[in-house]
PDB file of N, CA and C in Angstrom:
ATOM      1  N   MET A   1    -112.085  82.830 -29.886  1.00  0.00           N
ATOM      2  CA  MET A   1    -113.262  83.500 -29.383  1.00  0.00           C
ATOM      3  C   MET A   1    -112.893  84.710 -28.525  1.00  0.00           C
ATOM      4  N   VAL A   2    -111.820  84.561 -27.742  1.00  0.00           N
ATOM      5  CA  VAL A   2    -111.415  85.676 -26.870  1.00  0.00           C
ATOM      6  C   VAL A   2    -111.039  86.882 -27.713  1.00  0.00           C
ATOM      7  N   ALA A   3    -110.237  86.663 -28.729  1.00  0.00           N
ATOM      8  CA  ALA A   3    -109.798  87.774 -29.580  1.00  0.00           C
ATOM      9  C   ALA A   3    -110.985  88.451 -30.265  1.00  0.00           C
ATOM     10  N   ASP A   4    -111.995  87.680 -30.619  1.00  0.00           N
ATOM     11  CA  ASP A   4    -113.175  88.256 -31.266  1.00  0.00           C
ATOM     12  C   ASP A   4    -113.960  89.166 -30.325  1.00  0.00           C
ATOM     13  N   HIS A   5    -113.892  88.915 -29.026  1.00  0.00           N
ATOM     14  CA  HIS A   5    -114.640  89.712 -28.054  1.00  0.00           C
ATOM     15  C   HIS A   5    -113.849  90.913 -27.533  1.00  0.00           C
ATOM     16  N   MET A   6    -112.587  91.036 -27.941  1.00  0.00           N
ATOM     17  CA  MET A   6    -111.755  92.134 -27.441  1.00  0.00           C
ATOM     18  C   MET A   6    -111.944  93.386 -28.284  1.00  0.00           C
ATOM     19  N   THR A   7    -111.844  94.533 -27.626  1.00  0.00           N
ATOM     20  CA  THR A   7    -111.830  95.829 -28.284  1.00  0.00           C
ATOM     21  C   THR A   7    -110.420  96.368 -28.120  1.00  0.00           C
ATOM     22  N   GLY A   8    -109.612  96.258 -29.162  1.00  0.00           N
ATOM     23  CA  GLY A   8    -108.202  96.605 -29.028  1.00  0.00           C
ATOM     24  C   GLY A   8    -107.547  95.617 -28.083  1.00  0.00           C
ATOM     25  N   ARG A   9    -106.973  96.130 -26.991  1.00  0.00           N
ATOM     26  CA  ARG A   9    -106.366  95.262 -25.981  1.00  0.00           C
ATOM     27  C   ARG A   9    -107.290  95.023 -24.802  1.00  0.00           C
ATOM     28  N   VAL A  10    -108.520  95.541 -24.875  1.00  0.00           N
ATOM     29  CA  VAL A  10    -109.432  95.503 -23.741  1.00  0.00           C
ATOM     30  C   VAL A  10    -110.488  94.428 -23.937  1.00  0.00           C
ATOM     31  N   LEU A  11    -110.722  93.660 -22.871  1.00  0.00           N
ATOM     32  CA  LEU A  11    -111.820  92.703 -22.838  1.00  0.00           C
ATOM     33  C   LEU A  11    -112.762  93.164 -21.747  1.00  0.00           C
ATOM     34  N   ARG A  12    -113.936  93.576 -22.132  1.00  0.00           N
ATOM     35  CA  ARG A  12    -114.907  94.080 -21.163  1.00  0.00           C
ATOM     36  C   ARG A  12    -115.299  92.968 -20.199  1.00  0.00           C
ATOM     37  N   TYR A  13    -115.666  93.377 -18.980  1.00  0.00           N
ATOM     38  CA  TYR A  13    -116.002  92.423 -17.923  1.00  0.00           C
ATOM     39  C   TYR A  13    -117.165  91.523 -18.342  1.00  0.00           C
ATOM     40  N   SER A  14    -118.173  92.104 -18.980  1.00  0.00           N
ATOM     41  CA  SER A  14    -119.331  91.303 -19.400  1.00  0.00           C
ATOM     42  C   SER A  14    -118.926  90.268 -20.440  1.00  0.00           C
ATOM     43  N   ALA A  15    -118.011  90.639 -21.338  1.00  0.00           N
ATOM     44  CA  ALA A  15    -117.531  89.681 -22.338  1.00  0.00           C
ATOM     45  C   ALA A  15    -116.707  88.582 -21.671  1.00  0.00           C
ATOM     46  N   ARG A  16    -115.895  88.954 -20.675  1.00  0.00           N
ATOM     47  CA  ARG A  16    -115.113  87.956 -19.929  1.00  0.00           C
ATOM     48  C   ARG A  16    -116.038  86.955 -19.250  1.00  0.00           C
ATOM     49  N   GLN A  17    -117.100  87.456 -18.613  1.00  0.00           N
ATOM     50  CA  GLN A  17    -118.035  86.570 -17.935  1.00  0.00           C
ATOM     51  C   GLN A  17    -118.725  85.632 -18.927  1.00  0.00           C
ATOM     52  N   ALA A  18    -119.104  86.160 -20.089  1.00  0.00           N
ATOM     53  CA  ALA A  18    -119.745  85.331 -21.107  1.00  0.00           C
ATOM     54  C   ALA A  18    -118.785  84.260 -21.615  1.00  0.00           C
ATOM     55  N   LEU A  19    -117.512  84.624 -21.809  1.00  0.00           N
ATOM     56  CA  LEU A  19    -116.524  83.645 -22.270  1.00  0.00           C
ATOM     57  C   LEU A  19    -116.296  82.565 -21.222  1.00  0.00           C
ATOM     58  N   ILE A  20    -116.224  82.941 -19.971  1.00  0.00           N
ATOM     59  CA  ILE A  20    -116.029  81.958 -18.902  1.00  0.00           C
ATOM     60  C   ILE A  20    -117.243  81.033 -18.813  1.00  0.00           C
ATOM     61  N   HIS A  21    -118.424  81.581 -18.958  1.00  0.00           N
ATOM     62  CA  HIS A  21    -119.647  80.761 -18.940  1.00  0.00           C
ATOM     63  C   HIS A  21    -119.640  79.777 -20.109  1.00  0.00           C
ATOM     64  N   HIS A  22    -119.249  80.253 -21.288  1.00  0.00           N
ATOM     65  CA  HIS A  22    -119.186  79.386 -22.468  1.00  0.00           C
ATOM     66  C   HIS A  22    -118.124  78.298 -22.270  1.00  0.00           C
ATOM     67  N   ALA A  23    -116.988  78.678 -21.701  1.00  0.00           N
ATOM     68  CA  ALA A  23    -115.925  77.696 -21.446  1.00  0.00           C
ATOM     69  C   ALA A  23    -116.399  76.619 -20.477  1.00  0.00           C
ATOM     70  N   THR A  24    -117.156  77.010 -19.473  1.00  0.00           N
ATOM     71  CA  THR A  24    -117.686  76.044 -18.506  1.00  0.00           C
ATOM     72  C   THR A  24    -118.599  75.036 -19.199  1.00  0.00           C
ATOM     73  N   ARG A  25    -119.423  75.516 -20.130  1.00  0.00           N
ATOM     74  CA  ARG A  25    -120.293  74.602 -20.879  1.00  0.00           C
ATOM     75  C   ARG A  25    -119.485  73.643 -21.746  1.00  0.00           C
ATOM     76  N   LEU A  26    -118.283  74.073 -22.163  1.00  0.00           N
ATOM     77  CA  LEU A  26    -117.422  73.212 -22.973  1.00  0.00           C
ATOM     78  C   LEU A  26    -116.556  72.281 -22.125  1.00  0.00           C
ATOM     79  N   GLY A  27    -116.682  72.394 -20.807  1.00  0.00           N
ATOM     80  CA  GLY A  27    -115.905  71.534 -19.923  1.00  0.00           C
ATOM     81  C   GLY A  27    -114.561  72.111 -19.506  1.00  0.00           C
ATOM     82  N   ILE A  28    -114.359  73.375 -19.777  1.00  0.00           N
ATOM     83  CA  ILE A  28    -113.119  74.052 -19.378  1.00  0.00           C
ATOM     84  C   ILE A  28    -113.394  74.742 -18.056  1.00  0.00           C
ATOM     85  N   GLY A  29    -112.538  74.510 -17.072  1.00  0.00           N
ATOM     86  CA  GLY A  29    -112.718  75.109 -15.752  1.00  0.00           C
ATOM     87  C   GLY A  29    -112.496  76.616 -15.778  1.00  0.00           C
ATOM     88  N   ARG A  30    -112.985  77.268 -14.729  1.00  0.00           N
ATOM     89  CA  ARG A  30    -112.878  78.731 -14.621  1.00  0.00           C
ATOM     90  C   ARG A  30    -111.416  79.185 -14.623  1.00  0.00           C
ATOM     91  N   PHE A  31    -110.570  78.479 -13.886  1.00  0.00           N
ATOM     92  CA  PHE A  31    -109.150  78.843 -13.812  1.00  0.00           C
ATOM     93  C   PHE A  31    -108.496  78.740 -15.188  1.00  0.00           C
ATOM     94  N   GLU A  32    -108.740  77.638 -15.873  1.00  0.00           N
ATOM     95  CA  GLU A  32    -108.145  77.439 -17.195  1.00  0.00           C
ATOM     96  C   GLU A  32    -108.678  78.468 -18.195  1.00  0.00           C
ATOM     97  N   ALA A  33    -109.971  78.795 -18.092  1.00  0.00           N
ATOM     98  CA  ALA A  33    -110.551  79.803 -18.984  1.00  0.00           C
ATOM     99  C   ALA A  33    -109.874  81.155 -18.765  1.00  0.00           C
ATOM    100  N   ASN A  34    -109.633  81.509 -17.522  1.00  0.00           N
ATOM    101  CA  ASN A  34    -108.938  82.768 -17.232  1.00  0.00           C
ATOM    102  C   ASN A  34    -107.512  82.748 -17.739  1.00  0.00           C
ATOM    103  N   LEU A  35    -106.849  81.593 -17.694  1.00  0.00           N
ATOM    104  CA  LEU A  35    -105.494  81.483 -18.248  1.00  0.00           C
ATOM    105  C   LEU A  35    -105.507  81.698 -19.760  1.00  0.00           C
ATOM    106  N   ILE A  36    -106.489  81.117 -20.430  1.00  0.00           N
ATOM    107  CA  ILE A  36    -106.598  81.294 -21.874  1.00  0.00           C
ATOM    108  C   ILE A  36    -106.836  82.761 -22.203  1.00  0.00           C
ATOM    109  N   ILE A  37    -107.735  83.387 -21.471  1.00  0.00           N
ATOM    110  CA  ILE A  37    -108.024  84.813 -21.689  1.00  0.00           C
ATOM    111  C   ILE A  37    -106.761  85.648 -21.470  1.00  0.00           C
ATOM    112  N   ALA A  38    -106.035  85.364 -20.405  1.00  0.00           N
ATOM    113  CA  ALA A  38    -104.807  86.109 -20.112  1.00  0.00           C
ATOM    114  C   ALA A  38    -103.771  85.919 -21.209  1.00  0.00           C
ATOM    115  N   ALA A  39    -103.658  84.701 -21.738  1.00  0.00           N
ATOM    116  CA  ALA A  39    -102.687  84.434 -22.806  1.00  0.00           C
ATOM    117  C   ALA A  39    -103.033  85.228 -24.063  1.00  0.00           C
ATOM    118  N   VAL A  40    -104.303  85.269 -24.418  1.00  0.00           N
ATOM    119  CA  VAL A  40    -104.722  86.010 -25.613  1.00  0.00           C
ATOM    120  C   VAL A  40    -104.513  87.512 -25.397  1.00  0.00           C
ATOM    121  N   GLN A  41    -104.830  88.009 -24.198  1.00  0.00           N
ATOM    122  CA  GLN A  41    -104.610  89.427 -23.914  1.00  0.00           C
ATOM    123  C   GLN A  41    -103.122  89.765 -23.952  1.00  0.00           C
ATOM    124  N   HIS A  42    -102.295  88.879 -23.444  1.00  0.00           N
ATOM    125  CA  HIS A  42    -100.853  89.111 -23.463  1.00  0.00           C
ATOM    126  C   HIS A  42    -100.331  89.160 -24.894  1.00  0.00           C
ATOM    127  N   ARG A  43    -100.818  88.237 -25.720  1.00  0.00           N
ATOM    128  CA  ARG A  43    -100.395  88.198 -27.118  1.00  0.00           C
ATOM    129  C   ARG A  43    -100.832  89.467 -27.848  1.00  0.00           C
ATOM    130  N   ALA A  44    -101.995  90.008 -27.512  1.00  0.00           N
ATOM    131  CA  ALA A  44    -102.500  91.227 -28.158  1.00  0.00           C
ATOM    132  C   ALA A  44    -101.871  92.478 -27.566  1.00  0.00           C
ATOM    133  N   GLY A  45    -101.054  92.348 -26.528  1.00  0.00           N
ATOM    134  CA  GLY A  45    -100.490  93.500 -25.830  1.00  0.00           C
ATOM    135  C   GLY A  45     -99.634  94.403 -26.681  1.00  0.00           C
ATOM    136  N   GLY A  46     -99.091  93.921 -27.784  1.00  0.00           N
ATOM    137  CA  GLY A  46     -98.229  94.741 -28.618  1.00  0.00           C
ATOM    138  C   GLY A  46     -98.974  95.791 -29.408  1.00  0.00           C
ATOM    139  N   ALA A  47    -100.246  95.580 -29.679  1.00  0.00           N
ATOM    140  CA  ALA A  47    -101.014  96.523 -30.473  1.00  0.00           C
ATOM    141  C   ALA A  47    -101.633  97.584 -29.565  1.00  0.00           C
ATOM    142  N   ALA A  48    -101.282  98.819 -29.796  1.00  0.00           N
ATOM    143  CA  ALA A  48    -101.812  99.911 -28.971  1.00  0.00           C
ATOM    144  C   ALA A  48    -103.246 100.213 -29.382  1.00  0.00           C
ATOM    145  N   ARG A  49    -104.084 100.460 -28.403  1.00  0.00           N
ATOM    146  CA  ARG A  49    -105.480 100.804 -28.658  1.00  0.00           C
ATOM    147  C   ARG A  49    -105.560 102.298 -28.863  1.00  0.00           C
ATOM    148  N   PRO A  50    -106.175 102.746 -29.955  1.00  0.00           N
ATOM    149  CA  PRO A  50    -106.282 104.199 -30.169  1.00  0.00           C
ATOM    150  C   PRO A  50    -107.137 104.854 -29.096  1.00  0.00           C
ATOM    151  N   GLU A  51    -106.758 106.081 -28.753  1.00  0.00           N
ATOM    152  CA  GLU A  51    -107.478 106.821 -27.713  1.00  0.00           C
ATOM    153  C   GLU A  51    -108.808 107.317 -28.275  1.00  0.00           C
ATOM    154  N   SER A  52    -109.888 107.062 -27.536  1.00  0.00           N
ATOM    155  CA  SER A  52    -111.212 107.493 -27.985  1.00  0.00           C
ATOM    156  C   SER A  52    -111.402 108.980 -27.714  1.00  0.00           C
ATOM    157  N   ASP A  53    -112.446 109.539 -28.326  1.00  0.00           N
ATOM    158  CA  ASP A  53    -112.748 110.961 -28.122  1.00  0.00           C
ATOM    159  C   ASP A  53    -113.091 111.244 -26.666  1.00  0.00           C
ATOM    160  N   ASP A  54    -113.797 110.313 -26.012  1.00  0.00           N
ATOM    161  CA  ASP A  54    -114.139 110.497 -24.600  1.00  0.00           C
ATOM    162  C   ASP A  54    -112.889 110.538 -23.732  1.00  0.00           C
ATOM    163  N   GLU A  55    -111.930 109.667 -24.032  1.00  0.00           N
ATOM    164  CA  GLU A  55    -110.683 109.657 -23.250  1.00  0.00           C
ATOM    165  C   GLU A  55    -109.893 110.941 -23.463  1.00  0.00           C
ATOM    166  N   LYS A  56    -109.889 111.439 -24.695  1.00  0.00           N
ATOM    167  CA  LYS A  56    -109.200 112.712 -24.962  1.00  0.00           C
ATOM    168  C   LYS A  56    -109.863 113.848 -24.199  1.00  0.00           C
ATOM    169  N   ALA A  57    -111.193 113.864 -24.205  1.00  0.00           N
ATOM    170  CA  ALA A  57    -111.926 114.918 -23.500  1.00  0.00           C
ATOM    171  C   ALA A  57    -111.675 114.831 -21.998  1.00  0.00           C
ATOM    172  N   ASN A  58    -111.654 113.619 -21.440  1.00  0.00           N
ATOM    173  CA  ASN A  58    -111.384 113.460 -20.008  1.00  0.00           C
ATOM    174  C   ASN A  58    -109.985 113.931 -19.659  1.00  0.00           C
ATOM    175  N   ARG A  59    -109.009 113.603 -20.507  1.00  0.00           N
ATOM    176  CA  ARG A  59    -107.635 114.021 -20.253  1.00  0.00           C
ATOM    177  C   ARG A  59    -107.531 115.539 -20.304  1.00  0.00           C
ATOM    178  N   LEU A  60    -108.181 116.149 -21.301  1.00  0.00           N
ATOM    179  CA  LEU A  60    -108.169 117.601 -21.429  1.00  0.00           C
ATOM    180  C   LEU A  60    -108.883 118.248 -20.251  1.00  0.00           C
ATOM    181  N   GLY A  61    -110.024 117.690 -19.857  1.00  0.00           N
ATOM    182  CA  GLY A  61    -110.788 118.239 -18.740  1.00  0.00           C
ATOM    183  C   GLY A  61    -110.014 118.197 -17.439  1.00  0.00           C
ATOM    184  N   SER A  62    -109.298 117.113 -17.187  1.00  0.00           N
ATOM    185  CA  SER A  62    -108.536 117.025 -15.941  1.00  0.00           C
ATOM    186  C   SER A  62    -107.360 117.995 -15.963  1.00  0.00           C
ATOM    187  N   GLY A  63    -106.768 118.216 -17.118  1.00  0.00           N
ATOM    188  CA  GLY A  63    -105.681 119.186 -17.225  1.00  0.00           C
ATOM    189  C   GLY A  63    -106.162 120.595 -16.948  1.00  0.00           C
ATOM    190  N   VAL A  64    -107.310 120.947 -17.494  1.00  0.00           N
ATOM    191  CA  VAL A  64    -107.895 122.269 -17.268  1.00  0.00           C
ATOM    192  C   VAL A  64    -108.230 122.440 -15.787  1.00  0.00           C
ATOM    193  N   PHE A  65    -108.763 121.394 -15.163  1.00  0.00           N
ATOM    194  CA  PHE A  65    -109.096 121.448 -13.740  1.00  0.00           C
ATOM    195  C   PHE A  65    -107.856 121.760 -12.907  1.00  0.00           C
ATOM    196  N   PHE A  66    -106.751 121.060 -13.161  1.00  0.00           N
ATOM    197  CA  PHE A  66    -105.547 121.263 -12.354  1.00  0.00           C
ATOM    198  C   PHE A  66    -104.921 122.631 -12.599  1.00  0.00           C
ATOM    199  N   ILE A  67    -104.970 123.117 -13.822  1.00  0.00           N
ATOM    200  CA  ILE A  67    -104.446 124.455 -14.099  1.00  0.00           C
ATOM    201  C   ILE A  67    -105.293 125.504 -13.387  1.00  0.00           C
ATOM    202  N   THR A  68    -106.617 125.350 -13.436  1.00  0.00           N
ATOM    203  CA  THR A  68    -107.509 126.284 -12.742  1.00  0.00           C
ATOM    204  C   THR A  68    -107.267 126.246 -11.244  1.00  0.00           C
ATOM    205  N   ALA A  69    -107.118 125.059 -10.678  1.00  0.00           N
ATOM    206  CA  ALA A  69    -106.857 124.931  -9.244  1.00  0.00           C
ATOM    207  C   ALA A  69    -105.529 125.599  -8.878  1.00  0.00           C
ATOM    208  N   ALA A  70    -104.517 125.450  -9.714  1.00  0.00           N
ATOM    209  CA  ALA A  70    -103.219 126.068  -9.438  1.00  0.00           C
ATOM    210  C   ALA A  70    -103.318 127.592  -9.476  1.00  0.00           C
ATOM    211  N   ILE A  71    -104.072 128.120 -10.419  1.00  0.00           N
ATOM    212  CA  ILE A  71    -104.248 129.571 -10.513  1.00  0.00           C
ATOM    213  C   ILE A  71    -104.990 130.107  -9.288  1.00  0.00           C
ATOM    214  N   VAL A  72    -106.033 129.408  -8.865  1.00  0.00           N
ATOM    215  CA  VAL A  72    -106.782 129.830  -7.681  1.00  0.00           C
ATOM    216  C   VAL A  72    -105.884 129.801  -6.442  1.00  0.00           C
ATOM    217  N   GLN A  73    -105.113 128.743  -6.290  1.00  0.00           N
ATOM    218  CA  GLN A  73    -104.219 128.635  -5.133  1.00  0.00           C
ATOM    219  C   GLN A  73    -103.154 129.736  -5.162  1.00  0.00           C
ATOM    220  N   ALA A  74    -102.615 130.033  -6.340  1.00  0.00           N
ATOM    221  CA  ALA A  74    -101.618 131.099  -6.448  1.00  0.00           C
ATOM    222  C   ALA A  74    -102.232 132.452  -6.108  1.00  0.00           C
ATOM    223  N   THR A  75    -103.473 132.680  -6.514  1.00  0.00           N
ATOM    224  CA  THR A  75    -104.160 133.934  -6.197  1.00  0.00           C
ATOM    225  C   THR A  75    -104.383 134.065  -4.694  1.00  0.00           C
ATOM    226  N   ILE A  76    -104.792 132.992  -4.058  1.00  0.00           N
ATOM    227  CA  ILE A  76    -104.987 132.999  -2.604  1.00  0.00           C
ATOM    228  C   ILE A  76    -103.666 133.281  -1.898  1.00  0.00           C
ATOM    229  N   LEU A  77    -102.615 132.597  -2.334  1.00  0.00           N
ATOM    230  CA  LEU A  77    -101.296 132.797  -1.736  1.00  0.00           C
ATOM    231  C   LEU A  77    -100.825 134.246  -1.920  1.00  0.00           C
ATOM    232  N   ALA A  78    -101.048 134.806  -3.100  1.00  0.00           N
ATOM    233  CA  ALA A  78    -100.662 136.205  -3.339  1.00  0.00           C
ATOM    234  C   ALA A  78    -101.452 137.152  -2.461  1.00  0.00           C
ATOM    235  N   GLY A  79    -102.740 136.878  -2.266  1.00  0.00           N
ATOM    236  CA  GLY A  79    -103.570 137.706  -1.384  1.00  0.00           C
ATOM    237  C   GLY A  79    -103.104 137.657   0.057  1.00  0.00           C
ATOM    238  N   VAL A  80    -102.788 136.448   0.536  1.00  0.00           N
ATOM    239  CA  VAL A  80    -102.279 136.308   1.900  1.00  0.00           C
ATOM    240  C   VAL A  80    -100.941 137.012   2.044  1.00  0.00           C
ATOM    241  N   TRP A  81    -100.081 136.894   1.060  1.00  0.00           N
ATOM    242  CA  TRP A  81     -98.771 137.571   1.070  1.00  0.00           C
ATOM    243  C   TRP A  81     -98.957 139.083   1.112  1.00  0.00           C
ATOM    244  N   TRP A  82     -99.892 139.589   0.296  1.00  0.00           N
ATOM    245  CA  TRP A  82    -100.121 141.031   0.254  1.00  0.00           C
ATOM    246  C   TRP A  82    -100.670 141.556   1.582  1.00  0.00           C
ATOM    247  N   LEU A  83    -101.579 140.790   2.236  1.00  0.00           N
ATOM    248  CA  LEU A  83    -102.129 141.196   3.519  1.00  0.00           C
ATOM    249  C   LEU A  83    -101.102 141.104   4.640  1.00  0.00           C
ATOM    250  N   ALA A  84    -100.218 140.124   4.553  1.00  0.00           N
ATOM    251  CA  ALA A  84     -99.231 139.912   5.611  1.00  0.00           C
ATOM    252  C   ALA A  84     -98.116 140.948   5.564  1.00  0.00           C
ATOM    253  N   PHE A  85     -97.783 141.423   4.392  1.00  0.00           N
ATOM    254  CA  PHE A  85     -96.658 142.358   4.286  1.00  0.00           C
ATOM    255  C   PHE A  85     -97.154 143.627   3.721  1.00  0.00           C
TER     256      PHE A  85
END
């Protein structure tokens, strides 16, 4: 059941809560249910999850932000250097 609720190597929090609730109804304690979930996640750890379009866009956006910030800082530094000397 755990593997069926996973997306790649990720188990969403809501799915984890539903699995723990289902395990409790089956007589499995919360601690044991979390151990089972961890074991299944560990076993699935070898398969890499493909990067989504949103993750690619976020990575690209953060890179552009840092490059822009570096250019602005370099411009400020050059202006201060030019005024000082």
